[in-house]
Amino acid sequence: MPEALRQGIEIWFDIGYLITLWVVVALMITRRDKVAGADRPLVQRILLSFVLLGAGDMGHVGFRVYAYLHGGLAQNTTLVGIGTVATAITVTFFYIVMLDAWRIRFHKTFDWFAWTLVAMGVVRLGLMIPAVNQWTAVVSPMPWSIIRNIPLMIQGLGLVYLLFRDSARAGDRTFNLIAWMIVISFACYIPVILFAPTHPLLGMLMIPKTCAYLAVAFIAYSALFRGQHR
């Protein structure tokens, strides 16, 4: 695929993604007070998780779009690096907040497994501090980019396990679908982490990965904010 075409696809997709995500967040905000009182703690967690996701991606995705339109990534490495750090932080908190949403939805308390997933988030944040991360590099350094993402994978896939387990027991279709979307996101993300530095075209898998996150937002909005529980 020609580089100009790939960049064009990414630019228009990124713009559409940000607009769509923030429209859904705005709809969540407008409807949160109409949700039954007992469900408000849950919808507040869902809303917070997507505000975090959107805030991080405003930097990551938004700065990439700006960079492409102003000379390319190599000429805007600092700006792109700031965006990459921002989304790396907020996605970590996204999964911590979603874990708390699981707790509320299924009336659980945090046991050793849940606290381990929280600890993975803390470990990931710590791994993002050393200079070896080279956040301003156009290509993420190997193998450190894999190392810093291992805790995120444990965190996300651990949440998936809890969602599948408890949604099956409760017959909860909404959170079962959310679990599947998270699985799809990681199925797309893992090849990017492992192979995109040497096979750049694999970076296009970030498009279906991002669509999976949007699907989680749509599923949650439809089922929880509009009262269509499934």
Foldseek 3Di string as FASTA:
>chain_A
DDPVVVLVVLLVLLVVLLVLLVVLLVLLVVQLVVFPPLCNVLSVLVSVLSVLQSVLSCQQSVQQSVQVVPPHLLVVLVSNLVSVVSNQLSNLVSLLSVLVSLCSVQVHDDDPLNVLLNVLSVVLVVLVPDCQQVSSDPAGDPPSLVVSCVSVVSNLVSSLVSLCVRCVVVVFPLSPLLSVLSVLLVVLVVCCNVPCSPVVVSVVSNSSSSVSVSVNSVSCCVQGSVVVGD
